[in-house]
Every structure is written in C-alpha cells, then in structure tokens.
C-alpha cells in the first residue's frame, strides 16, 4: 500500500444493467488537490458517494486511516474526517448563517446537545465564527439564507462541511450556480482556506478553467472508468479526454 491518505482499489458498482464504477483505483496523497471531470453519468458522483458512504460499492477497497471504510454509513465516515459539500447547498433557510454553522458543529460532533447545556454555547459560537472568518463570510452571520447571494451560499455550505476535524474535503461542483465574476474569487478563498488547514481536496468540476487553474492532478471519468490520471496539462490535452469529456478538438 502506498502513502496516499485515500487509497481506492478495484472498486466496482452497478445499478441494474448500468456500470457506474468499473475497476476504479486511485491513490490520493495527503494535502493534494485533485479534480474529477467527466460528462453527466460518467461516474464522478458515484465515486464521491462511495467515498463518503452514501453508496456502498459492490466490490473493492476504500482505505482511509488504515482501515477499509467501504460501506460505512456517511455519519461514521464524516466523524473519521472525510467531509463533503453538495452541488446544491444544504442550508436551512429559516436559520441565520451563524445558526447554520452551529447546527453543522453539532452534526460533526463538536458539541453534544443535552438538557443541561445549550448546544450553542460560547465555545461553539467561537468555533463557528472562526470558520466563517476563514471563508470571509462572518459579516453575514445574522442574515437568513434567502438573503444571501449564490456565492455566499456556496461558501457557507463549504464552511459548514469544514466543521469538525477535516482531513479530506470533497466538493461537488463548487462553482455551480455562482456568477461568472465570482467563481475565481470563491475558489481562491476555498482553496487557500483548505490548503492552510492541510486538508486534502477532491472536487468535481465541469469548468475546465477552474480545473486547469486549481488542480494538481485530474481524474477523467468516462463510462464508469478512469481514462486519465495525471497533471491538468497532460489530461486536458489527451485525445481520449478531448473526445469523450471536454469536447475539445483532438
């Protein structure tokens, strides 16, 4: 076994007659930044869902922290340190930004609500505010979710995923639903915040400008398989990737 913080070996998954993952193997080094590219249905989200416990693979190993986590429930995987955000931000519209962060802290085990102690105690609020400041959205702490721009919602969703001890962060299309002039500033904030914490990043993205600018390595998916695994310049110039993934002239 190599020194990757995440080791995926020979993972398989089918849904009826559809093969969503076939012989998926990858080693992700600690602190690296990977992107996953591919057309809809190529297998990217299935990969993310298997790593985070939302889907159980039919076969194969997903090794993290010296143990095979394949098939563990999402909450248990989250507690181990693998966190994720979603393409559509998972926010509670009836709560303020700060209150959403407090809920995330409780879910990630930073606080344990009881009848004797409020779950939103001073320590919890301090942690919540520190995370909001890290993502440059603390000024919105008292605003309700419907009042926020798409970019701030994305940042809050990722900040909430960072509650607790994060070793690996999986981001599902972090720039989707974000205005064109916001996408690079948002990614700068996100990548810098995660890199400063030493977090390994794996993000799904359709925007090749984002992929090329922020990835250290790219996994290209097609028909449930990884057809390329290399640096952005090598993968994005690969003729098979151009034919089946990016649509660029080969």
C-alpha atoms as a PDB file:
ATOM      1  CA  UNK A   1       0.000   0.000   0.000  1.00  0.00           C
ATOM      2  CA  UNK A   2       1.406   3.405  -0.955  1.00  0.00           C
ATOM      3  CA  UNK A   3       1.378   6.502   1.212  1.00  0.00           C
ATOM      4  CA  UNK A   4      -1.851   8.067  -0.074  1.00  0.00           C
ATOM      5  CA  UNK A   5      -4.231   9.430   2.556  1.00  0.00           C
ATOM      6  CA  UNK A   6      -7.003   7.830   0.454  1.00  0.00           C
ATOM      7  CA  UNK A   7      -6.427   4.519  -1.349  1.00  0.00           C
ATOM      8  CA  UNK A   8      -9.154   3.231  -3.658  1.00  0.00           C
ATOM      9  CA  UNK A   9      -8.548  -0.222  -5.104  1.00  0.00           C
ATOM     10  CA  UNK A  10     -10.578  -2.135  -7.732  1.00  0.00           C
ATOM     11  CA  UNK A  11     -13.889  -0.559  -6.740  1.00  0.00           C
ATOM     12  CA  UNK A  12     -16.980  -1.718  -8.620  1.00  0.00           C
ATOM     13  CA  UNK A  13     -20.575  -0.519  -8.651  1.00  0.00           C
ATOM     14  CA  UNK A  14     -23.521  -1.360 -10.873  1.00  0.00           C
ATOM     15  CA  UNK A  15     -27.124  -0.191 -10.863  1.00  0.00           C
ATOM     16  CA  UNK A  16     -29.018  -2.896 -12.702  1.00  0.00           C
ATOM     17  CA  UNK A  17     -27.544  -3.054 -16.194  1.00  0.00           C
ATOM     18  CA  UNK A  18     -25.633   0.217 -15.737  1.00  0.00           C
ATOM     19  CA  UNK A  19     -21.972   0.070 -14.702  1.00  0.00           C
ATOM     20  CA  UNK A  20     -21.313   3.192 -12.619  1.00  0.00           C
ATOM     21  CA  UNK A  21     -17.824   2.208 -11.468  1.00  0.00           C
ATOM     22  CA  UNK A  22     -15.521  -0.375 -13.043  1.00  0.00           C
ATOM     23  CA  UNK A  23     -12.103  -1.222 -11.622  1.00  0.00           C
ATOM     24  CA  UNK A  24     -11.647   2.227 -10.062  1.00  0.00           C
ATOM     25  CA  UNK A  25      -8.210   2.547  -8.454  1.00  0.00           C
ATOM     26  CA  UNK A  26      -6.533   5.752  -7.293  1.00  0.00           C
ATOM     27  CA  UNK A  27      -4.107   6.890  -4.616  1.00  0.00           C
ATOM     28  CA  UNK A  28      -4.573  10.442  -3.309  1.00  0.00           C
ATOM     29  CA  UNK A  29      -1.582  11.906  -1.405  1.00  0.00           C
ATOM     30  CA  UNK A  30      -2.060  13.902   1.787  1.00  0.00           C
ATOM     31  CA  UNK A  31      -2.544  17.624   1.141  1.00  0.00           C
ATOM     32  CA  UNK A  32      -3.018  17.270  -2.615  1.00  0.00           C
ATOM     33  CA  UNK A  33      -5.712  18.912  -4.771  1.00  0.00           C
ATOM     34  CA  UNK A  34      -7.481  16.598  -7.214  1.00  0.00           C
ATOM     35  CA  UNK A  35     -10.308  17.375  -9.612  1.00  0.00           C
ATOM     36  CA  UNK A  36     -12.768  14.923 -11.150  1.00  0.00           C
ATOM     37  CA  UNK A  37     -14.002  15.625 -14.666  1.00  0.00           C
ATOM     38  CA  UNK A  38     -16.401  13.834 -16.995  1.00  0.00           C
ATOM     39  CA  UNK A  39     -19.782  14.199 -18.624  1.00  0.00           C
ATOM     40  CA  UNK A  40     -23.002  13.607 -16.686  1.00  0.00           C
ATOM     41  CA  UNK A  41     -23.275   9.928 -15.820  1.00  0.00           C
ATOM     42  CA  UNK A  42     -19.556   9.254 -16.252  1.00  0.00           C
ATOM     43  CA  UNK A  43     -19.112   8.067 -12.667  1.00  0.00           C
ATOM     44  CA  UNK A  44     -17.785  11.140 -10.813  1.00  0.00           C
ATOM     45  CA  UNK A  45     -20.650  11.479  -8.350  1.00  0.00           C
ATOM     46  CA  UNK A  46     -20.795   7.723  -7.818  1.00  0.00           C
ATOM     47  CA  UNK A  47     -17.119   7.860  -6.837  1.00  0.00           C
ATOM     48  CA  UNK A  48     -17.748  10.718  -4.384  1.00  0.00           C
ATOM     49  CA  UNK A  49     -20.807   8.961  -2.953  1.00  0.00           C
ATOM     50  CA  UNK A  50     -18.880   5.737  -2.393  1.00  0.00           C
ATOM     51  CA  UNK A  51     -16.005   7.511  -0.641  1.00  0.00           C
ATOM     52  CA  UNK A  52     -18.424   9.418   1.617  1.00  0.00           C
ATOM     53  CA  UNK A  53     -20.678   6.433   2.383  1.00  0.00           C
ATOM     54  CA  UNK A  54     -23.810   7.444   0.500  1.00  0.00           C
ATOM     55  CA  UNK A  55     -23.389   4.434  -1.809  1.00  0.00           C
ATOM     56  CA  UNK A  56     -21.927   1.043  -0.877  1.00  0.00           C
ATOM     57  CA  UNK A  57     -19.590  -0.376  -3.546  1.00  0.00           C
ATOM     58  CA  UNK A  58     -20.265  -3.895  -4.810  1.00  0.00           C
ATOM     59  CA  UNK A  59     -16.582  -4.780  -4.522  1.00  0.00           C
ATOM     60  CA  UNK A  60     -13.201  -3.217  -3.831  1.00  0.00           C
ATOM     61  CA  UNK A  61     -11.437  -1.361  -1.039  1.00  0.00           C
ATOM     62  CA  UNK A  62     -11.575   2.282   0.056  1.00  0.00           C
ATOM     63  CA  UNK A  63      -8.760   2.664   2.570  1.00  0.00           C
ATOM     64  CA  UNK A  64      -8.559   5.684   4.859  1.00  0.00           C
ATOM     65  CA  UNK A  65      -6.653   5.948   8.104  1.00  0.00           C
ATOM     66  CA  UNK A  66      -5.519   2.343   7.922  1.00  0.00           C
ATOM     67  CA  UNK A  67      -8.991   0.839   7.566  1.00  0.00           C
ATOM     68  CA  UNK A  68     -11.379  -0.110   4.807  1.00  0.00           C
ATOM     69  CA  UNK A  69     -14.277   2.342   5.028  1.00  0.00           C
ATOM     70  CA  UNK A  70     -16.228   0.936   2.075  1.00  0.00           C
ATOM     71  CA  UNK A  71     -19.827   0.503   3.162  1.00  0.00           C
ATOM     72  CA  UNK A  72     -19.612   2.504   6.390  1.00  0.00           C
ATOM     73  CA  UNK A  73     -22.537   4.942   6.925  1.00  0.00           C
ATOM     74  CA  UNK A  74     -21.988   8.614   5.981  1.00  0.00           C
ATOM     75  CA  UNK A  75     -22.110   9.879   9.580  1.00  0.00           C
ATOM     76  CA  UNK A  76     -19.349   7.494  10.638  1.00  0.00           C
ATOM     77  CA  UNK A  77     -17.164   8.464   7.675  1.00  0.00           C
ATOM     78  CA  UNK A  78     -17.729  12.144   8.478  1.00  0.00           C
ATOM     79  CA  UNK A  79     -16.613  11.569  12.067  1.00  0.00           C
ATOM     80  CA  UNK A  80     -13.422   9.934  10.740  1.00  0.00           C
ATOM     81  CA  UNK A  81     -12.543  13.153   8.892  1.00  0.00           C
ATOM     82  CA  UNK A  82     -13.893  12.829   5.337  1.00  0.00           C
ATOM     83  CA  UNK A  83     -16.294  15.721   4.719  1.00  0.00           C
ATOM     84  CA  UNK A  84     -18.205  16.929   1.671  1.00  0.00           C
ATOM     85  CA  UNK A  85     -20.230  19.766   0.245  1.00  0.00           C
ATOM     86  CA  UNK A  86     -23.019  19.363  -2.279  1.00  0.00           C
ATOM     87  CA  UNK A  87     -23.771  20.806  -5.707  1.00  0.00           C
ATOM     88  CA  UNK A  88     -26.919  22.348  -4.237  1.00  0.00           C
ATOM     89  CA  UNK A  89     -26.054  23.966  -0.907  1.00  0.00           C
ATOM     90  CA  UNK A  90     -27.570  22.081   2.046  1.00  0.00           C
ATOM     91  CA  UNK A  91     -28.725  25.048   4.121  1.00  0.00           C
ATOM     92  CA  UNK A  92     -31.670  25.751   6.416  1.00  0.00           C
ATOM     93  CA  UNK A  93     -33.486  28.822   5.112  1.00  0.00           C
ATOM     94  CA  UNK A  94     -35.183  29.534   8.448  1.00  0.00           C
ATOM     95  CA  UNK A  95     -31.859  29.940  10.278  1.00  0.00           C
ATOM     96  CA  UNK A  96     -29.195  32.617  10.138  1.00  0.00           C
ATOM     97  CA  UNK A  97     -25.709  31.991   8.781  1.00  0.00           C
ATOM     98  CA  UNK A  98     -24.313  31.603  12.295  1.00  0.00           C
ATOM     99  CA  UNK A  99     -27.132  29.271  13.331  1.00  0.00           C
ATOM    100  CA  UNK A 100     -26.463  27.074  10.296  1.00  0.00           C
ATOM    101  CA  UNK A 101     -22.825  26.858  11.389  1.00  0.00           C
ATOM    102  CA  UNK A 102     -23.870  25.882  14.923  1.00  0.00           C
ATOM    103  CA  UNK A 103     -26.042  23.084  13.537  1.00  0.00           C
ATOM    104  CA  UNK A 104     -23.112  21.871  11.432  1.00  0.00           C
ATOM    105  CA  UNK A 105     -20.889  21.874  14.507  1.00  0.00           C
ATOM    106  CA  UNK A 106     -23.357  19.677  16.383  1.00  0.00           C
ATOM    107  CA  UNK A 107     -23.690  17.275  13.438  1.00  0.00           C
ATOM    108  CA  UNK A 108     -19.913  16.943  13.179  1.00  0.00           C
ATOM    109  CA  UNK A 109     -19.660  16.207  16.885  1.00  0.00           C
ATOM    110  CA  UNK A 110     -18.125  19.486  18.040  1.00  0.00           C
ATOM    111  CA  UNK A 111     -20.938  19.873  20.550  1.00  0.00           C
ATOM    112  CA  UNK A 112     -23.215  17.318  22.138  1.00  0.00           C
ATOM    113  CA  UNK A 113     -26.620  18.814  22.893  1.00  0.00           C
ATOM    114  CA  UNK A 114     -28.043  17.929  26.297  1.00  0.00           C
ATOM    115  CA  UNK A 115     -30.735  19.063  28.695  1.00  0.00           C
ATOM    116  CA  UNK A 116     -28.040  20.525  30.969  1.00  0.00           C
ATOM    117  CA  UNK A 117     -26.027  22.554  28.451  1.00  0.00           C
ATOM    118  CA  UNK A 118     -27.101  24.554  25.411  1.00  0.00           C
ATOM    119  CA  UNK A 119     -25.685  23.236  22.140  1.00  0.00           C
ATOM    120  CA  UNK A 120     -24.864  26.797  21.025  1.00  0.00           C
ATOM    121  CA  UNK A 121     -22.557  27.580  23.961  1.00  0.00           C
ATOM    122  CA  UNK A 122     -19.745  30.119  23.857  1.00  0.00           C
ATOM    123  CA  UNK A 123     -17.162  27.631  22.599  1.00  0.00           C
ATOM    124  CA  UNK A 124     -19.413  26.514  19.776  1.00  0.00           C
ATOM    125  CA  UNK A 125     -20.069  30.112  18.745  1.00  0.00           C
ATOM    126  CA  UNK A 126     -16.357  30.870  18.828  1.00  0.00           C
ATOM    127  CA  UNK A 127     -15.604  27.915  16.550  1.00  0.00           C
ATOM    128  CA  UNK A 128     -18.449  28.865  14.221  1.00  0.00           C
ATOM    129  CA  UNK A 129     -17.238  32.451  13.906  1.00  0.00           C
ATOM    130  CA  UNK A 130     -13.633  31.349  13.329  1.00  0.00           C
ATOM    131  CA  UNK A 131     -14.760  29.195  10.399  1.00  0.00           C
ATOM    132  CA  UNK A 132     -16.947  31.960   8.961  1.00  0.00           C
ATOM    133  CA  UNK A 133     -13.988  34.346   9.155  1.00  0.00           C
ATOM    134  CA  UNK A 134     -11.743  31.800   7.434  1.00  0.00           C
ATOM    135  CA  UNK A 135     -14.141  31.843   4.480  1.00  0.00           C
ATOM    136  CA  UNK A 136     -14.623  35.640   4.639  1.00  0.00           C
ATOM    137  CA  UNK A 137     -18.382  35.500   5.330  1.00  0.00           C
ATOM    138  CA  UNK A 138     -18.502  36.464   9.023  1.00  0.00           C
ATOM    139  CA  UNK A 139     -20.167  39.773   8.116  1.00  0.00           C
ATOM    140  CA  UNK A 140     -23.257  37.773   7.085  1.00  0.00           C
ATOM    141  CA  UNK A 141     -23.571  35.949  10.425  1.00  0.00           C
ATOM    142  CA  UNK A 142     -27.018  37.379  11.283  1.00  0.00           C
ATOM    143  CA  UNK A 143     -28.551  37.121   7.805  1.00  0.00           C
ATOM    144  CA  UNK A 144     -31.083  34.487   6.776  1.00  0.00           C
ATOM    145  CA  UNK A 145     -30.154  32.165   3.891  1.00  0.00           C
ATOM    146  CA  UNK A 146     -32.626  33.588   1.308  1.00  0.00           C
ATOM    147  CA  UNK A 147     -30.923  36.984   1.685  1.00  0.00           C
ATOM    148  CA  UNK A 148     -27.545  35.642   0.505  1.00  0.00           C
ATOM    149  CA  UNK A 149     -26.007  35.608  -2.964  1.00  0.00           C
ATOM    150  CA  UNK A 150     -25.241  32.298  -4.656  1.00  0.00           C
ATOM    151  CA  UNK A 151     -21.557  32.761  -3.955  1.00  0.00           C
ATOM    152  CA  UNK A 152     -22.035  33.320  -0.215  1.00  0.00           C
ATOM    153  CA  UNK A 153     -24.339  30.291  -0.026  1.00  0.00           C
ATOM    154  CA  UNK A 154     -21.619  28.168  -1.626  1.00  0.00           C
ATOM    155  CA  UNK A 155     -19.007  29.451   0.804  1.00  0.00           C
ATOM    156  CA  UNK A 156     -21.305  28.800   3.763  1.00  0.00           C
ATOM    157  CA  UNK A 157     -22.039  25.258   2.585  1.00  0.00           C
ATOM    158  CA  UNK A 158     -18.308  24.540   2.347  1.00  0.00           C
ATOM    159  CA  UNK A 159     -17.638  26.255   5.690  1.00  0.00           C
ATOM    160  CA  UNK A 160     -20.282  24.037   7.301  1.00  0.00           C
ATOM    161  CA  UNK A 161     -18.612  20.975   5.787  1.00  0.00           C
ATOM    162  CA  UNK A 162     -15.372  22.118   7.451  1.00  0.00           C
ATOM    163  CA  UNK A 163     -16.902  21.903  10.940  1.00  0.00           C
ATOM    164  CA  UNK A 164     -15.083  19.259  12.917  1.00  0.00           C
ATOM    165  CA  UNK A 165     -11.696  17.725  12.152  1.00  0.00           C
ATOM    166  CA  UNK A 166     -11.372  17.588   8.366  1.00  0.00           C
ATOM    167  CA  UNK A 167      -8.699  15.536   6.622  1.00  0.00           C
ATOM    168  CA  UNK A 168     -10.307  15.165   3.195  1.00  0.00           C
ATOM    169  CA  UNK A 169     -12.821  17.572   1.652  1.00  0.00           C
ATOM    170  CA  UNK A 170     -14.893  16.522  -1.352  1.00  0.00           C
ATOM    171  CA  UNK A 171     -16.545  19.418  -3.176  1.00  0.00           C
ATOM    172  CA  UNK A 172     -19.337  18.719  -5.661  1.00  0.00           C
ATOM    173  CA  UNK A 173     -19.175  21.437  -8.334  1.00  0.00           C
ATOM    174  CA  UNK A 174     -18.102  24.283  -6.031  1.00  0.00           C
ATOM    175  CA  UNK A 175     -18.692  26.949  -8.700  1.00  0.00           C
ATOM    176  CA  UNK A 176     -22.101  25.803  -9.985  1.00  0.00           C
ATOM    177  CA  UNK A 177     -24.808  28.427  -9.512  1.00  0.00           C
ATOM    178  CA  UNK A 178     -22.160  31.096  -8.940  1.00  0.00           C
ATOM    179  CA  UNK A 179     -21.914  34.248 -11.058  1.00  0.00           C
ATOM    180  CA  UNK A 180     -19.070  34.224 -13.586  1.00  0.00           C
ATOM    181  CA  UNK A 181     -17.267  37.096 -11.862  1.00  0.00           C
ATOM    182  CA  UNK A 182     -17.456  35.259  -8.504  1.00  0.00           C
ATOM    183  CA  UNK A 183     -16.046  31.878  -9.457  1.00  0.00           C
ATOM    184  CA  UNK A 184     -12.322  32.659  -9.238  1.00  0.00           C
ATOM    185  CA  UNK A 185     -12.541  34.748  -6.029  1.00  0.00           C
ATOM    186  CA  UNK A 186     -14.618  31.994  -4.413  1.00  0.00           C
ATOM    187  CA  UNK A 187     -12.223  29.255  -5.462  1.00  0.00           C
ATOM    188  CA  UNK A 188      -9.271  31.349  -4.261  1.00  0.00           C
ATOM    189  CA  UNK A 189     -10.919  31.635  -0.829  1.00  0.00           C
ATOM    190  CA  UNK A 190     -11.856  27.962  -0.660  1.00  0.00           C
ATOM    191  CA  UNK A 191      -8.570  26.503  -1.875  1.00  0.00           C
ATOM    192  CA  UNK A 192      -6.469  28.836   0.294  1.00  0.00           C
ATOM    193  CA  UNK A 193      -8.560  28.081   3.396  1.00  0.00           C
ATOM    194  CA  UNK A 194      -8.348  24.330   2.860  1.00  0.00           C
ATOM    195  CA  UNK A 195      -4.660  24.390   1.948  1.00  0.00           C
ATOM    196  CA  UNK A 196      -3.857  26.417   5.084  1.00  0.00           C
ATOM    197  CA  UNK A 197      -5.512  23.686   7.158  1.00  0.00           C
ATOM    198  CA  UNK A 198      -3.559  20.947   5.372  1.00  0.00           C
ATOM    199  CA  UNK A 199      -6.787  19.437   4.005  1.00  0.00           C
ATOM    200  CA  UNK A 200      -6.696  17.107   1.006  1.00  0.00           C
ATOM    201  CA  UNK A 201      -9.140  18.394  -1.628  1.00  0.00           C
ATOM    202  CA  UNK A 202     -11.075  16.440  -4.260  1.00  0.00           C
ATOM    203  CA  UNK A 203     -13.523  18.480  -6.313  1.00  0.00           C
ATOM    204  CA  UNK A 204     -15.950  17.687  -9.132  1.00  0.00           C
ATOM    205  CA  UNK A 205     -15.990  20.383 -11.787  1.00  0.00           C
ATOM    206  CA  UNK A 206     -17.208  20.969 -15.354  1.00  0.00           C
ATOM    207  CA  UNK A 207     -15.428  24.306 -15.811  1.00  0.00           C
ATOM    208  CA  UNK A 208     -12.061  23.491 -17.372  1.00  0.00           C
ATOM    209  CA  UNK A 209     -10.676  26.925 -16.477  1.00  0.00           C
ATOM    210  CA  UNK A 210     -11.243  26.082 -12.804  1.00  0.00           C
ATOM    211  CA  UNK A 211      -9.798  22.588 -13.274  1.00  0.00           C
ATOM    212  CA  UNK A 212      -6.679  23.886 -15.001  1.00  0.00           C
ATOM    213  CA  UNK A 213      -6.098  26.695 -12.503  1.00  0.00           C
ATOM    214  CA  UNK A 214      -6.600  24.889  -9.179  1.00  0.00           C
ATOM    215  CA  UNK A 215      -5.917  21.176  -9.714  1.00  0.00           C
ATOM    216  CA  UNK A 216      -2.610  19.491  -9.065  1.00  0.00           C
ATOM    217  CA  UNK A 217      -3.924  16.306 -10.623  1.00  0.00           C
ATOM    218  CA  UNK A 218      -7.010  15.423 -12.680  1.00  0.00           C
ATOM    219  CA  UNK A 219      -9.034  12.210 -12.855  1.00  0.00           C
ATOM    220  CA  UNK A 220     -11.053  11.974 -16.074  1.00  0.00           C
ATOM    221  CA  UNK A 221     -14.071   9.654 -15.897  1.00  0.00           C
ATOM    222  CA  UNK A 222     -15.868   8.043 -18.814  1.00  0.00           C
ATOM    223  CA  UNK A 223     -18.422   5.233 -18.746  1.00  0.00           C
ATOM    224  CA  UNK A 224     -17.656   4.366 -15.111  1.00  0.00           C
ATOM    225  CA  UNK A 225     -13.900   4.190 -15.618  1.00  0.00           C
ATOM    226  CA  UNK A 226     -10.929   6.496 -15.086  1.00  0.00           C
ATOM    227  CA  UNK A 227      -9.490   7.069 -18.554  1.00  0.00           C
ATOM    228  CA  UNK A 228      -6.786   9.544 -17.483  1.00  0.00           C
ATOM    229  CA  UNK A 229      -4.995  10.332 -14.222  1.00  0.00           C
ATOM    230  CA  UNK A 230      -2.268  12.962 -14.477  1.00  0.00           C
ATOM    231  CA  UNK A 231      -1.491  16.668 -14.235  1.00  0.00           C
ATOM    232  CA  UNK A 232      -4.017  19.111 -15.766  1.00  0.00           C
ATOM    233  CA  UNK A 233      -1.922  19.901 -18.845  1.00  0.00           C
ATOM    234  CA  UNK A 234      -1.437  16.208 -19.665  1.00  0.00           C
ATOM    235  CA  UNK A 235      -5.048  15.164 -19.033  1.00  0.00           C
ATOM    236  CA  UNK A 236      -6.683  18.109 -20.801  1.00  0.00           C
ATOM    237  CA  UNK A 237      -4.509  17.559 -23.898  1.00  0.00           C
ATOM    238  CA  UNK A 238      -5.207  13.815 -24.004  1.00  0.00           C
ATOM    239  CA  UNK A 239      -7.046  12.913 -27.224  1.00  0.00           C
ATOM    240  CA  UNK A 240      -9.369  10.433 -25.471  1.00  0.00           C
ATOM    241  CA  UNK A 241     -10.293  13.031 -22.832  1.00  0.00           C
ATOM    242  CA  UNK A 242     -10.920  15.634 -25.528  1.00  0.00           C
ATOM    243  CA  UNK A 243     -13.138  13.211 -27.424  1.00  0.00           C
ATOM    244  CA  UNK A 244     -15.201  11.875 -24.531  1.00  0.00           C
ATOM    245  CA  UNK A 245     -15.019  14.512 -21.802  1.00  0.00           C
ATOM    246  CA  UNK A 246     -14.213  18.086 -22.783  1.00  0.00           C
ATOM    247  CA  UNK A 247     -15.455  18.094 -26.368  1.00  0.00           C
ATOM    248  CA  UNK A 248     -12.317  19.995 -27.435  1.00  0.00           C
ATOM    249  CA  UNK A 249     -10.993  19.272 -30.932  1.00  0.00           C
ATOM    250  CA  UNK A 250      -8.481  16.418 -30.742  1.00  0.00           C
END
